[in-house]
Amino acid sequence: MSTTTPSRVAIAGLGAIGKSVAQALDGGIDGLTLAAVSAQTIDKHRRWLDQFGTRPAALPIEALAEAADIVVECAPSRLLRSIVAPVVSRGKTAIVLSVGALLENEDLVALARDEGGRIVVPTGALIGLDAMAAAAVGTIHSVRMITRKPVQGLVGAPYLVQQGIAIDGIAAPLRIFEGTAREAARGFPANLNVAVALSLAGIGPDRTMVEIWADPTVTRNTHRIEVDSDSARFSMLIENIPSENPRTGRITALSVIACLRKLHAPLCIGT
């Protein structure tokens, strides 16, 4: 039996994803222990936290980097920098879900490199990132992602507000955006982290093309990805069941849990 001290994990944000990850850690993940959590309104979670086998410390965001070896960012994208910078500057690991915000804070990657830290982006709501990363070792000619989401999952997106596009009550699928992954991340910061993750694994946010459809005929967040490269031509389709937050699929939290399990697993499958 290993006597290695478990790595301490902190979670920034206790929405649908953060709570699922916290429960998984409390249930037991080899080599890890839940040390701390942070939320903007922590008081409403105290009774829930009292049910844990070992109650994690409830700390402000700025204290997480000191309290843990790994910090999982499950917070609004505007908080990305305040969560990740202290972690990587201490040579620790940040698991990032608001990957779209990385495009506005690219210096964090350089900071992690200089200080020995790591920024890890889970697969999240996508499939095929291993294939994309492998193809990127060669030459990728084109990448296109077509996203269809239930209307409620897109209402209030900044791009729709800025463009004056009303989607409440539409009766048929409506294409509401076409552009690059970088533009999609700016216009739909709560919806298109998947496009940015795809672009960072492949040919970058300015060459990865994205279409977004508001679709009243679907109940799942659907992503179709089409890739043409010198090693393979492939397409992928995933239909994600939304979590209690309609902007986020249930599989996103499961992806974070799988990522954490892989950190200390004796057998790792995938690139």
Protein backbone atom coordinates (compact mmCIF):
# COMPACT_ATOMS: atom_id res chain seq x y z
CA MET A 1 0.00 0.00 0.00
CA SER A 2 1.31 3.45 -0.93
CA THR A 3 2.21 5.79 1.92
CA THR A 4 2.54 8.81 -0.37
CA THR A 5 0.81 11.89 1.01
CA PRO A 6 -2.33 12.60 -1.05
CA SER A 7 -2.35 15.69 -3.24
CA ARG A 8 -4.65 18.38 -1.89
CA VAL A 9 -7.39 19.57 -4.24
CA ALA A 10 -9.36 22.82 -4.01
CA ILE A 11 -12.45 23.72 -6.02
CA ALA A 12 -13.22 27.28 -7.06
CA GLY A 13 -16.94 27.50 -7.70
CA LEU A 14 -19.77 25.32 -6.43
CA GLY A 15 -22.18 25.29 -9.34
CA ALA A 16 -23.33 22.11 -11.05
CA ILE A 17 -19.79 21.10 -12.02
CA GLY A 18 -18.00 22.08 -8.83
CA LYS A 19 -20.47 20.28 -6.60
CA SER A 20 -20.26 17.06 -8.63
CA VAL A 21 -16.46 17.13 -8.49
CA ALA A 22 -16.49 17.83 -4.75
CA GLN A 23 -18.79 14.88 -4.11
CA ALA A 24 -16.57 12.58 -6.17
CA LEU A 25 -13.50 13.65 -4.21
CA ASP A 26 -15.34 13.17 -0.92
CA GLY A 27 -16.31 9.69 -2.10
CA GLY A 28 -12.65 8.91 -2.78
CA ILE A 29 -10.22 9.35 -5.67
CA ASP A 30 -6.86 7.61 -5.28
CA GLY A 31 -4.03 9.94 -4.37
CA LEU A 32 -6.25 12.98 -3.84
CA THR A 33 -8.05 14.65 -0.98
CA LEU A 34 -10.52 17.55 -1.04
CA ALA A 35 -8.86 20.29 1.01
CA ALA A 36 -10.84 23.45 0.28
CA VAL A 37 -13.69 25.01 -1.66
CA SER A 38 -14.64 28.54 -2.58
CA ALA A 39 -17.90 30.09 -3.74
CA GLN A 40 -19.23 33.61 -4.10
CA THR A 41 -22.05 32.82 -1.66
CA ILE A 42 -20.48 30.14 0.49
CA ASP A 43 -23.10 30.41 3.25
CA LYS A 44 -25.77 28.75 1.11
CA HIS A 45 -23.52 25.68 0.76
CA ARG A 46 -22.55 25.21 4.42
CA ARG A 47 -25.29 22.70 5.24
CA TRP A 48 -24.39 20.70 2.13
CA LEU A 49 -20.69 20.73 3.07
CA ASP A 50 -21.53 19.52 6.58
CA GLN A 51 -22.61 16.19 5.06
CA PHE A 52 -19.11 15.42 3.75
CA GLY A 53 -17.03 12.69 5.36
CA THR A 54 -14.22 15.20 5.81
CA ARG A 55 -15.43 18.76 5.63
CA PRO A 56 -13.23 20.91 3.35
CA ALA A 57 -12.20 24.39 4.40
CA ALA A 58 -14.36 27.17 2.94
CA LEU A 59 -11.90 29.82 1.78
CA PRO A 60 -11.82 32.96 -0.35
CA ILE A 61 -10.52 32.45 -3.88
CA GLU A 62 -7.19 34.12 -3.15
CA ALA A 63 -6.42 31.55 -0.42
CA LEU A 64 -6.94 28.41 -2.53
CA ALA A 65 -3.48 28.38 -4.11
CA GLU A 66 -1.83 28.17 -0.71
CA ALA A 67 -4.24 25.53 0.61
CA ALA A 68 -3.95 23.04 -2.26
CA ASP A 69 -1.62 21.42 -4.79
CA ILE A 70 -4.32 21.32 -7.49
CA VAL A 71 -7.06 23.90 -7.98
CA VAL A 72 -10.08 23.12 -10.14
CA GLU A 73 -11.56 26.26 -11.70
CA CYS A 74 -15.36 25.91 -12.06
CA ALA A 75 -16.16 29.60 -11.72
CA PRO A 76 -17.45 32.40 -13.97
CA SER A 77 -14.90 33.17 -16.69
CA ARG A 78 -14.23 36.67 -15.36
CA LEU A 79 -12.59 35.09 -12.30
CA LEU A 80 -10.17 32.92 -14.26
CA ARG A 81 -7.10 35.08 -13.74
CA SER A 82 -7.63 35.59 -10.02
CA ILE A 83 -7.88 31.81 -9.58
CA VAL A 84 -5.19 30.53 -11.95
CA ALA A 85 -2.39 33.10 -11.60
CA PRO A 86 -1.68 32.41 -7.89
CA VAL A 87 -1.72 28.65 -8.55
CA VAL A 88 0.73 28.48 -11.44
CA SER A 89 2.98 31.15 -9.95
CA ARG A 90 3.54 28.72 -7.07
CA GLY A 91 4.43 25.91 -9.48
CA LYS A 92 1.13 24.12 -8.88
CA THR A 93 -1.58 22.74 -11.18
CA ALA A 94 -4.75 24.54 -12.28
CA ILE A 95 -7.49 22.52 -13.97
CA VAL A 96 -9.35 25.04 -16.10
CA LEU A 97 -12.91 24.84 -17.42
CA SER A 98 -13.30 28.49 -18.51
CA VAL A 99 -10.82 27.79 -21.29
CA GLY A 100 -12.28 30.56 -23.46
CA ALA A 101 -10.97 33.08 -20.95
CA LEU A 102 -7.45 31.77 -21.50
CA LEU A 103 -7.48 33.53 -24.87
CA GLU A 104 -7.71 36.85 -22.99
CA ASN A 105 -5.05 35.74 -20.49
CA GLU A 106 -2.49 33.96 -22.63
CA ASP A 107 0.34 35.20 -20.45
CA LEU A 108 -0.78 32.69 -17.81
CA VAL A 109 0.68 29.93 -19.98
CA ALA A 110 4.04 31.70 -19.99
CA LEU A 111 3.76 32.23 -16.23
CA ALA A 112 3.13 28.52 -15.73
CA ARG A 113 6.12 27.67 -17.92
CA ASP A 114 8.42 30.04 -16.03
CA GLU A 115 7.34 28.93 -12.56
CA GLY A 116 6.95 25.20 -13.17
CA GLY A 117 3.16 25.25 -12.93
CA ARG A 118 0.65 23.50 -15.19
CA ILE A 119 -2.66 24.47 -16.78
CA VAL A 120 -4.73 21.38 -17.57
CA VAL A 121 -7.84 21.58 -19.76
CA PRO A 122 -10.12 18.53 -19.43
CA THR A 123 -11.84 17.11 -22.49
CA GLY A 124 -15.12 18.44 -21.16
CA ALA A 125 -18.15 18.21 -23.45
CA LEU A 126 -16.16 17.05 -26.48
CA ILE A 127 -14.87 13.82 -27.92
CA GLY A 128 -11.83 13.31 -30.06
CA LEU A 129 -9.32 15.71 -28.54
CA ASP A 130 -6.78 12.88 -28.58
CA ALA A 131 -7.29 12.48 -32.32
CA MET A 132 -7.05 16.24 -32.81
CA ALA A 133 -3.83 16.49 -30.80
CA ALA A 134 -2.35 13.60 -32.77
CA ALA A 135 -3.34 15.17 -36.10
CA ALA A 136 -1.77 18.46 -34.99
CA VAL A 137 1.64 16.77 -34.81
CA GLY A 138 1.31 16.62 -38.58
CA THR A 139 -0.64 19.15 -40.66
CA ILE A 140 -4.30 19.99 -40.12
CA HIS A 141 -5.91 21.66 -43.12
CA SER A 142 -9.27 22.64 -41.62
CA VAL A 143 -11.45 22.28 -38.52
CA ARG A 144 -15.14 23.17 -38.30
CA MET A 145 -17.48 22.78 -35.34
CA ILE A 146 -21.25 23.05 -35.65
CA THR A 147 -23.03 23.49 -32.33
CA ARG A 148 -26.76 23.18 -31.75
CA LYS A 149 -28.20 24.04 -28.37
CA PRO A 150 -31.68 24.33 -26.86
CA VAL A 151 -32.79 27.95 -26.91
CA GLN A 152 -32.70 28.33 -23.12
CA GLY A 153 -29.02 27.45 -23.06
CA LEU A 154 -28.17 30.43 -25.27
CA VAL A 155 -30.50 33.16 -24.03
CA GLY A 156 -28.60 36.17 -22.70
CA ALA A 157 -25.30 35.44 -24.46
CA PRO A 158 -23.36 38.71 -24.98
CA TYR A 159 -23.25 38.28 -28.77
CA LEU A 160 -27.03 37.99 -28.97
CA VAL A 161 -27.50 41.05 -26.78
CA GLN A 162 -24.98 43.12 -28.76
CA GLN A 163 -26.47 42.10 -32.11
CA GLY A 164 -30.08 42.48 -30.98
CA ILE A 165 -30.90 38.88 -31.88
CA ALA A 166 -34.02 37.58 -30.12
CA ILE A 167 -34.36 33.81 -29.92
CA ASP A 168 -37.13 33.42 -27.34
CA GLY A 169 -40.09 31.78 -29.01
CA ILE A 170 -38.40 30.76 -32.26
CA ALA A 171 -40.17 27.81 -33.91
CA ALA A 172 -37.38 26.54 -36.16
CA PRO A 173 -33.58 26.16 -35.90
CA LEU A 174 -31.80 29.50 -36.35
CA ARG A 175 -28.11 29.98 -37.11
CA ILE A 176 -27.06 32.77 -34.77
CA PHE A 177 -23.30 32.83 -35.30
CA GLU A 178 -20.58 31.90 -37.77
CA GLY A 179 -16.95 32.80 -37.23
CA THR A 180 -13.73 31.75 -35.53
CA ALA A 181 -13.38 30.00 -32.18
CA ARG A 182 -11.83 33.18 -30.76
CA GLU A 183 -14.88 35.22 -31.80
CA ALA A 184 -17.23 32.53 -30.48
CA ALA A 185 -15.51 32.57 -27.09
CA ARG A 186 -15.97 36.33 -26.81
CA GLY A 187 -19.61 36.25 -27.85
CA PHE A 188 -20.67 33.14 -25.94
CA PRO A 189 -18.35 32.89 -22.91
CA ALA A 190 -20.63 30.50 -21.00
CA ASN A 191 -21.30 28.24 -23.98
CA LEU A 192 -18.29 27.79 -26.24
CA ASN A 193 -15.40 26.69 -24.05
CA VAL A 194 -15.55 23.49 -26.10
CA ALA A 195 -14.63 25.39 -29.27
CA VAL A 196 -11.58 26.92 -27.63
CA ALA A 197 -10.42 23.58 -26.22
CA LEU A 198 -10.78 22.10 -29.70
CA SER A 199 -8.81 24.96 -31.24
CA LEU A 200 -5.97 24.76 -28.70
CA ALA A 201 -5.62 21.03 -29.37
CA GLY A 202 -5.54 21.68 -33.11
CA ILE A 203 -4.85 24.67 -35.36
CA GLY A 204 -5.60 27.54 -33.02
CA PRO A 205 -8.54 29.84 -32.28
CA ASP A 206 -8.19 31.95 -35.42
CA ARG A 207 -8.35 29.04 -37.89
CA THR A 208 -10.94 26.88 -36.15
CA MET A 209 -14.35 27.77 -37.58
CA VAL A 210 -17.58 27.62 -35.59
CA GLU A 211 -21.29 27.69 -36.34
CA ILE A 212 -23.84 28.09 -33.54
CA TRP A 213 -27.52 27.24 -33.92
CA ALA A 214 -30.35 27.96 -31.50
CA ASP A 215 -32.56 24.94 -32.02
CA PRO A 216 -35.98 24.52 -30.37
CA THR A 217 -36.18 20.96 -31.73
CA VAL A 218 -33.28 19.61 -29.62
CA THR A 219 -33.03 18.85 -25.91
CA ARG A 220 -29.30 18.15 -25.86
CA ASN A 221 -26.21 20.29 -26.48
CA THR A 222 -24.94 18.90 -29.78
CA HIS A 223 -21.47 19.38 -31.27
CA ARG A 224 -20.40 18.08 -34.67
CA ILE A 225 -16.71 18.41 -35.51
CA GLU A 226 -15.23 17.98 -38.97
CA VAL A 227 -11.45 17.72 -39.41
CA ASP A 228 -9.29 17.39 -42.52
CA SER A 229 -5.58 16.70 -42.04
CA ASP A 230 -2.65 15.04 -43.77
CA SER A 231 -2.97 12.01 -41.49
CA ALA A 232 -6.74 11.51 -41.35
CA ARG A 233 -10.11 12.96 -42.23
CA PHE A 234 -12.62 12.47 -39.44
CA SER A 235 -15.89 13.74 -38.05
CA MET A 236 -17.31 13.45 -34.54
CA LEU A 237 -20.76 13.99 -33.08
CA ILE A 238 -21.69 14.24 -29.42
CA GLU A 239 -25.11 14.99 -27.90
CA ASN A 240 -24.71 16.10 -24.30
CA ILE A 241 -27.52 15.98 -21.78
CA PRO A 242 -27.65 19.38 -20.03
CA SER A 243 -26.96 19.56 -16.31
CA GLU A 244 -29.08 21.62 -13.94
CA ASN A 245 -27.34 24.56 -15.64
CA PRO A 246 -28.69 24.45 -19.24
CA ARG A 247 -25.44 25.96 -20.57
CA THR A 248 -23.41 22.99 -19.32
CA GLY A 249 -23.59 19.30 -20.16
CA ARG A 250 -23.56 16.64 -17.45
CA ILE A 251 -20.51 15.03 -19.05
CA THR A 252 -18.38 18.11 -18.31
CA ALA A 253 -18.25 17.36 -14.59
CA LEU A 254 -17.58 13.69 -15.32
CA SER A 255 -14.68 14.73 -17.54
CA VAL A 256 -13.10 16.66 -14.67
CA ILE A 257 -13.50 13.66 -12.38
CA ALA A 258 -11.91 11.40 -15.02
CA CYS A 259 -9.05 13.90 -15.36
CA LEU A 260 -8.45 13.85 -11.60
CA ARG A 261 -8.51 10.05 -11.48
CA LYS A 262 -5.92 9.94 -14.25
CA LEU A 263 -3.44 12.05 -12.28
CA HIS A 264 -2.41 9.14 -10.04
CA ALA A 265 -3.76 6.15 -11.99
CA PRO A 266 -1.37 3.20 -12.52
CA LEU A 267 -2.80 2.83 -16.05
CA CYS A 268 -3.65 5.78 -18.31
CA ILE A 269 -5.55 5.36 -21.56
CA GLY A 270 -5.29 8.06 -24.20
CA THR A 271 -2.62 10.42 -25.47
